[in-house]
Structure formats: structure tokens, C-alpha cells
Amino acid sequence: MERLMTVKEVAKYLKLNHMTVYRYAQKRKIPAVKIGGSWRFKKSLLDEWLERNRRDLQLLQAQKKGAKPTPPKF
């Protein structure tokens, strides 16, 4: 079973303030689950979330420049 990360661990991993991670979790902007009043995160889901958001950002930047977006590679 994959170990769950805390808000502080995720903040360090993503190089964000811990309050930003907490707010993202509350607003469902980041994959998280609340267990016993504390937010917990799976690193594998965070990595997938990061990759999806990176691709989305690249597509948006390409569209702003007028370029045709390239399909994602799997």
C-alpha cells in the first residue's frame, strides 16, 4: 500500500506554502482525501495531477501563440 503524504510533505514536494496546499485540497484543486480531520495525499496521484496540469499549460501557451497544439504522448 502506498504511503500517504501530509500537507507539509506535499508543500515541500511541490515547493508551495502549506496553506496553499491546504486551500487547494479544500477547493478540490489537488487530489486529496480527508482522514480524521487531516488532509492526506498519494504521491502517485500528485505526479499524475502535475503531468496533466503541465500538458494543459503547454496547450494554453501554444494556443496563445497561435500554434497548433500537439497531441499528448503516452
N, C-alpha and C. Protein backbone atom coordinates (compact mmCIF):
# COMPACT_ATOMS: atom_id res chain seq x y z
N MET A 1 0.84 -1.18 0.00
CA MET A 1 0.00 0.00 0.00
C MET A 1 0.89 1.25 0.00
N GLU A 2 0.50 2.20 -0.81
CA GLU A 2 1.27 3.44 -0.92
C GLU A 2 1.10 4.30 0.33
N ARG A 3 2.21 4.83 0.81
CA ARG A 3 2.22 5.72 1.97
C ARG A 3 1.55 7.04 1.61
N LEU A 4 0.77 7.58 2.53
CA LEU A 4 0.10 8.85 2.32
C LEU A 4 0.97 9.99 2.83
N MET A 5 0.94 11.10 2.12
CA MET A 5 1.73 12.28 2.48
C MET A 5 0.85 13.28 3.24
N THR A 6 1.49 14.06 4.10
CA THR A 6 0.80 15.12 4.84
C THR A 6 0.84 16.43 4.04
N VAL A 7 0.11 17.41 4.52
CA VAL A 7 0.11 18.73 3.89
C VAL A 7 1.54 19.30 3.86
N LYS A 8 2.25 19.19 4.95
CA LYS A 8 3.62 19.73 5.00
C LYS A 8 4.55 19.01 4.04
N GLU A 9 4.40 17.69 3.92
CA GLU A 9 5.23 16.93 2.99
C GLU A 9 4.94 17.32 1.54
N VAL A 10 3.65 17.50 1.24
CA VAL A 10 3.26 17.90 -0.11
C VAL A 10 3.76 19.31 -0.41
N ALA A 11 3.66 20.20 0.56
CA ALA A 11 4.14 21.57 0.37
C ALA A 11 5.64 21.56 0.04
N LYS A 12 6.39 20.75 0.74
CA LYS A 12 7.83 20.66 0.49
C LYS A 12 8.08 20.06 -0.90
N TYR A 13 7.34 19.00 -1.24
CA TYR A 13 7.50 18.32 -2.53
C TYR A 13 7.17 19.25 -3.70
N LEU A 14 6.09 20.03 -3.56
CA LEU A 14 5.65 20.92 -4.65
C LEU A 14 6.26 22.32 -4.55
N LYS A 15 7.01 22.56 -3.48
CA LYS A 15 7.62 23.88 -3.24
C LYS A 15 6.55 24.97 -3.17
N LEU A 16 5.53 24.68 -2.36
CA LEU A 16 4.44 25.62 -2.12
C LEU A 16 4.32 25.86 -0.63
N ASN A 17 3.67 26.94 -0.27
CA ASN A 17 3.34 27.19 1.12
C ASN A 17 2.33 26.15 1.57
N HIS A 18 2.42 25.70 2.82
CA HIS A 18 1.49 24.66 3.29
C HIS A 18 0.04 25.14 3.27
N MET A 19 -0.19 26.44 3.45
CA MET A 19 -1.57 26.96 3.39
C MET A 19 -2.12 26.89 1.97
N THR A 20 -1.27 27.05 0.97
CA THR A 20 -1.70 26.92 -0.42
C THR A 20 -2.14 25.48 -0.69
N VAL A 21 -1.38 24.51 -0.22
CA VAL A 21 -1.75 23.10 -0.38
C VAL A 21 -3.08 22.83 0.32
N TYR A 22 -3.23 23.34 1.52
CA TYR A 22 -4.47 23.17 2.29
C TYR A 22 -5.67 23.75 1.52
N ARG A 23 -5.51 24.96 0.99
CA ARG A 23 -6.62 25.59 0.23
C ARG A 23 -6.93 24.81 -1.04
N TYR A 24 -5.90 24.35 -1.75
CA TYR A 24 -6.11 23.54 -2.95
C TYR A 24 -6.89 22.28 -2.61
N ALA A 25 -6.56 21.64 -1.50
CA ALA A 25 -7.26 20.43 -1.08
C ALA A 25 -8.73 20.75 -0.77
N GLN A 26 -8.96 21.81 -0.03
CA GLN A 26 -10.33 22.21 0.31
C GLN A 26 -11.17 22.48 -0.93
N LYS A 27 -10.57 23.12 -1.91
CA LYS A 27 -11.30 23.50 -3.14
C LYS A 27 -11.27 22.41 -4.20
N ARG A 28 -10.69 21.26 -3.85
CA ARG A 28 -10.60 20.11 -4.76
C ARG A 28 -9.79 20.42 -6.01
N LYS A 29 -8.79 21.28 -5.87
CA LYS A 29 -7.91 21.62 -6.99
C LYS A 29 -6.74 20.65 -7.08
N ILE A 30 -6.58 19.83 -6.05
CA ILE A 30 -5.48 18.88 -5.97
C ILE A 30 -6.05 17.57 -5.42
N PRO A 31 -5.56 16.42 -5.91
CA PRO A 31 -6.12 15.15 -5.42
C PRO A 31 -5.76 14.91 -3.95
N ALA A 32 -6.78 14.80 -3.11
CA ALA A 32 -6.57 14.63 -1.68
C ALA A 32 -7.78 13.96 -1.06
N VAL A 33 -7.56 13.42 0.13
CA VAL A 33 -8.65 12.82 0.91
C VAL A 33 -8.48 13.28 2.35
N LYS A 34 -9.60 13.52 3.00
CA LYS A 34 -9.55 13.95 4.40
C LYS A 34 -9.78 12.72 5.28
N ILE A 35 -8.83 12.45 6.16
CA ILE A 35 -8.91 11.30 7.06
C ILE A 35 -8.78 11.81 8.49
N GLY A 36 -9.82 11.61 9.27
CA GLY A 36 -9.79 12.04 10.67
C GLY A 36 -9.50 13.52 10.85
N GLY A 37 -9.99 14.33 9.94
CA GLY A 37 -9.80 15.78 10.04
C GLY A 37 -8.52 16.29 9.42
N SER A 38 -7.68 15.41 8.89
CA SER A 38 -6.41 15.83 8.27
C SER A 38 -6.39 15.43 6.80
N TRP A 39 -5.84 16.30 5.97
CA TRP A 39 -5.71 16.01 4.55
C TRP A 39 -4.53 15.08 4.31
N ARG A 40 -4.74 14.11 3.41
CA ARG A 40 -3.69 13.18 3.02
C ARG A 40 -3.65 13.08 1.50
N PHE A 41 -2.46 12.76 0.99
CA PHE A 41 -2.22 12.78 -0.46
C PHE A 41 -1.40 11.56 -0.87
N LYS A 42 -1.72 10.99 -2.04
CA LYS A 42 -0.90 9.92 -2.62
C LYS A 42 0.05 10.57 -3.61
N LYS A 43 1.33 10.26 -3.48
CA LYS A 43 2.34 10.85 -4.36
C LYS A 43 2.06 10.51 -5.82
N SER A 44 1.63 9.28 -6.09
CA SER A 44 1.36 8.88 -7.47
C SER A 44 0.26 9.73 -8.09
N LEU A 45 -0.77 10.06 -7.31
CA LEU A 45 -1.85 10.91 -7.82
C LEU A 45 -1.38 12.35 -8.01
N LEU A 46 -0.51 12.81 -7.11
CA LEU A 46 0.05 14.16 -7.27
C LEU A 46 0.88 14.25 -8.54
N ASP A 47 1.68 13.21 -8.81
CA ASP A 47 2.50 13.20 -10.01
C ASP A 47 1.64 13.22 -11.27
N GLU A 48 0.54 12.44 -11.27
CA GLU A 48 -0.38 12.45 -12.41
C GLU A 48 -1.02 13.84 -12.57
N TRP A 49 -1.41 14.45 -11.46
CA TRP A 49 -2.01 15.78 -11.47
C TRP A 49 -1.03 16.81 -12.03
N LEU A 50 0.23 16.72 -11.61
CA LEU A 50 1.26 17.62 -12.12
C LEU A 50 1.42 17.47 -13.63
N GLU A 51 1.48 16.25 -14.11
CA GLU A 51 1.65 15.99 -15.55
C GLU A 51 0.47 16.52 -16.36
N ARG A 52 -0.75 16.28 -15.87
CA ARG A 52 -1.94 16.78 -16.56
C ARG A 52 -1.92 18.31 -16.65
N ASN A 53 -1.60 18.94 -15.53
CA ASN A 53 -1.57 20.40 -15.49
C ASN A 53 -0.45 20.96 -16.35
N ARG A 54 0.67 20.27 -16.41
CA ARG A 54 1.78 20.71 -17.26
C ARG A 54 1.36 20.66 -18.73
N ARG A 55 0.70 19.59 -19.13
CA ARG A 55 0.23 19.47 -20.53
C ARG A 55 -0.81 20.54 -20.84
N ASP A 56 -1.74 20.76 -19.91
CA ASP A 56 -2.77 21.79 -20.11
C ASP A 56 -2.14 23.16 -20.28
N LEU A 57 -1.13 23.46 -19.48
CA LEU A 57 -0.43 24.75 -19.56
C LEU A 57 0.28 24.89 -20.91
N GLN A 58 0.92 23.82 -21.36
CA GLN A 58 1.60 23.85 -22.65
C GLN A 58 0.60 24.09 -23.78
N LEU A 59 -0.57 23.45 -23.71
CA LEU A 59 -1.59 23.65 -24.74
C LEU A 59 -2.08 25.10 -24.74
N LEU A 60 -2.33 25.65 -23.56
CA LEU A 60 -2.78 27.04 -23.47
C LEU A 60 -1.73 28.01 -24.03
N GLN A 61 -0.48 27.77 -23.70
CA GLN A 61 0.59 28.64 -24.20
C GLN A 61 0.70 28.54 -25.72
N ALA A 62 0.55 27.34 -26.26
CA ALA A 62 0.62 27.15 -27.71
C ALA A 62 -0.55 27.85 -28.39
N GLN A 63 -1.73 27.75 -27.80
CA GLN A 63 -2.90 28.41 -28.39
C GLN A 63 -2.75 29.93 -28.37
N LYS A 64 -2.17 30.47 -27.31
CA LYS A 64 -1.95 31.92 -27.24
C LYS A 64 -1.00 32.39 -28.32
N LYS A 65 -0.04 31.55 -28.67
CA LYS A 65 0.94 31.90 -29.70
C LYS A 65 0.41 31.61 -31.10
N GLY A 66 -0.76 31.00 -31.18
CA GLY A 66 -1.35 30.70 -32.47
C GLY A 66 -0.86 29.40 -33.07
N ALA A 67 -0.12 28.64 -32.33
CA ALA A 67 0.39 27.36 -32.83
C ALA A 67 -0.66 26.29 -32.66
N LYS A 68 -0.56 25.27 -33.49
CA LYS A 68 -1.47 24.14 -33.36
C LYS A 68 -0.96 23.27 -32.22
N PRO A 69 -1.86 22.92 -31.29
CA PRO A 69 -1.40 22.09 -30.16
C PRO A 69 -1.04 20.68 -30.63
N THR A 70 0.01 20.15 -30.03
CA THR A 70 0.42 18.78 -30.36
C THR A 70 -0.29 17.83 -29.42
N PRO A 71 -0.71 16.68 -29.93
CA PRO A 71 -1.41 15.73 -29.05
C PRO A 71 -0.46 15.19 -27.99
N PRO A 72 -1.00 14.86 -26.82
CA PRO A 72 -0.13 14.33 -25.76
C PRO A 72 0.46 12.98 -26.14
N LYS A 73 1.68 12.72 -25.67
CA LYS A 73 2.35 11.46 -25.93
C LYS A 73 2.19 10.57 -24.71
N PHE A 74 1.83 9.34 -24.93
CA PHE A 74 1.66 8.39 -23.83
C PHE A 74 2.67 7.29 -23.91
